[in-house]
Amino acid sequence: MERKEEGEEIKMAKVSVHLGFTFRVGPLETNQYSRIDVSIDQIDTELPIEQQLEDAGQTVDTVWKHVKAKVDSGIDEVLDDSGK
């Protein structure tokens, strides 16, 4: 929270949310894992939170599609190379 000067309003802090998960990408015996993380920062506590998260979610969906395609391609390449 910002410090209140004479004649100024107190402003609420902005918050962040982070979600991540790790998943296995190859056979169990190869111990191959990947991790995906998503962070949404600067959520303004003085504005409606649902709309901010909805807007951020649309961007995350777009980014996810791109990242997933790259990760899937990379995983396929790793698995193809390990089978040689």
Protein backbone atom coordinates (compact mmCIF):
# COMPACT_ATOMS: atom_id res chain seq x y z
CA MET A 1 0.00 0.00 0.00
CA GLU A 2 1.26 3.47 -0.83
CA ARG A 3 1.91 5.94 1.90
CA LYS A 4 -0.77 8.62 2.28
CA GLU A 5 0.38 12.19 1.88
CA GLU A 6 -1.82 15.06 2.96
CA GLY A 7 -4.74 15.37 0.57
CA GLU A 8 -4.03 12.07 -1.24
CA GLU A 9 -6.12 8.93 -1.31
CA ILE A 10 -4.76 5.63 -0.09
CA LYS A 11 -4.26 3.34 -3.07
CA MET A 12 -4.51 -0.40 -2.73
CA ALA A 13 -1.63 -2.58 -3.81
CA LYS A 14 -1.66 -4.50 -7.05
CA VAL A 15 -1.38 -8.27 -6.77
CA SER A 16 -0.10 -11.16 -8.86
CA VAL A 17 -1.12 -14.77 -9.37
CA HIS A 18 1.17 -17.58 -10.51
CA LEU A 19 0.31 -21.10 -11.64
CA GLY A 20 2.71 -23.74 -12.80
CA PHE A 21 2.81 -27.46 -13.35
CA THR A 22 5.43 -30.04 -14.18
CA PHE A 23 4.63 -33.05 -16.32
CA ARG A 24 6.44 -36.11 -17.65
CA VAL A 25 7.22 -35.96 -21.38
CA GLY A 26 9.01 -39.23 -21.98
CA PRO A 27 9.11 -42.76 -20.69
CA LEU A 28 9.31 -42.97 -16.91
CA GLU A 29 12.75 -44.57 -17.01
CA THR A 30 14.22 -41.58 -18.94
CA ASN A 31 13.20 -39.07 -16.26
CA GLN A 32 12.21 -36.40 -18.81
CA TYR A 33 9.96 -33.63 -17.57
CA SER A 34 8.76 -30.24 -18.74
CA ARG A 35 7.28 -27.34 -16.83
CA ILE A 36 4.83 -24.64 -17.83
CA ASP A 37 4.24 -21.52 -15.75
CA VAL A 38 1.76 -18.68 -16.13
CA SER A 39 1.89 -15.44 -14.16
CA ILE A 40 -0.60 -12.59 -14.21
CA ASP A 41 0.78 -9.44 -12.62
CA GLN A 42 -0.52 -5.99 -11.76
CA ILE A 43 -4.08 -7.06 -10.91
CA ASP A 44 -5.58 -3.83 -9.63
CA THR A 45 -7.54 -4.42 -6.43
CA GLU A 46 -9.51 -1.21 -6.99
CA LEU A 47 -10.98 -2.41 -10.30
CA PRO A 48 -13.33 -5.35 -10.96
CA ILE A 49 -11.12 -8.42 -10.71
CA GLU A 50 -13.24 -10.73 -12.89
CA GLN A 51 -12.87 -8.54 -16.00
CA GLN A 52 -9.11 -8.21 -15.50
CA LEU A 53 -8.75 -11.98 -15.19
CA GLU A 54 -11.01 -12.56 -18.20
CA ASP A 55 -8.87 -10.23 -20.33
CA ALA A 56 -5.67 -11.84 -19.08
CA GLY A 57 -7.16 -15.30 -19.66
CA GLN A 58 -7.81 -14.53 -23.32
CA THR A 59 -4.16 -13.54 -23.75
CA VAL A 60 -3.02 -16.65 -21.86
CA ASP A 61 -5.14 -18.83 -24.18
CA THR A 62 -3.46 -17.31 -27.25
CA VAL A 63 0.02 -17.65 -25.78
CA TRP A 64 -0.75 -21.21 -24.59
CA LYS A 65 -1.64 -22.34 -28.13
CA HIS A 66 1.67 -21.01 -29.44
CA VAL A 67 3.77 -22.38 -26.57
CA LYS A 68 2.03 -25.77 -26.67
CA ALA A 69 2.80 -26.15 -30.38
CA LYS A 70 6.47 -25.33 -29.73
CA VAL A 71 6.66 -27.66 -26.72
CA ASP A 72 4.92 -30.50 -28.59
CA SER A 73 7.35 -30.09 -31.48
CA GLY A 74 10.33 -30.07 -29.11
CA ILE A 75 9.09 -33.13 -27.26
CA ASP A 76 8.56 -35.00 -30.53
CA GLU A 77 12.12 -34.11 -31.54
CA VAL A 78 13.55 -35.32 -28.22
CA LEU A 79 11.60 -38.57 -28.40
CA ASP A 80 12.59 -39.12 -32.04
CA ASP A 81 16.27 -38.57 -31.19
CA SER A 82 16.11 -40.95 -28.22
CA GLY A 83 14.78 -43.72 -30.46
CA LYS A 84 17.82 -43.66 -32.80
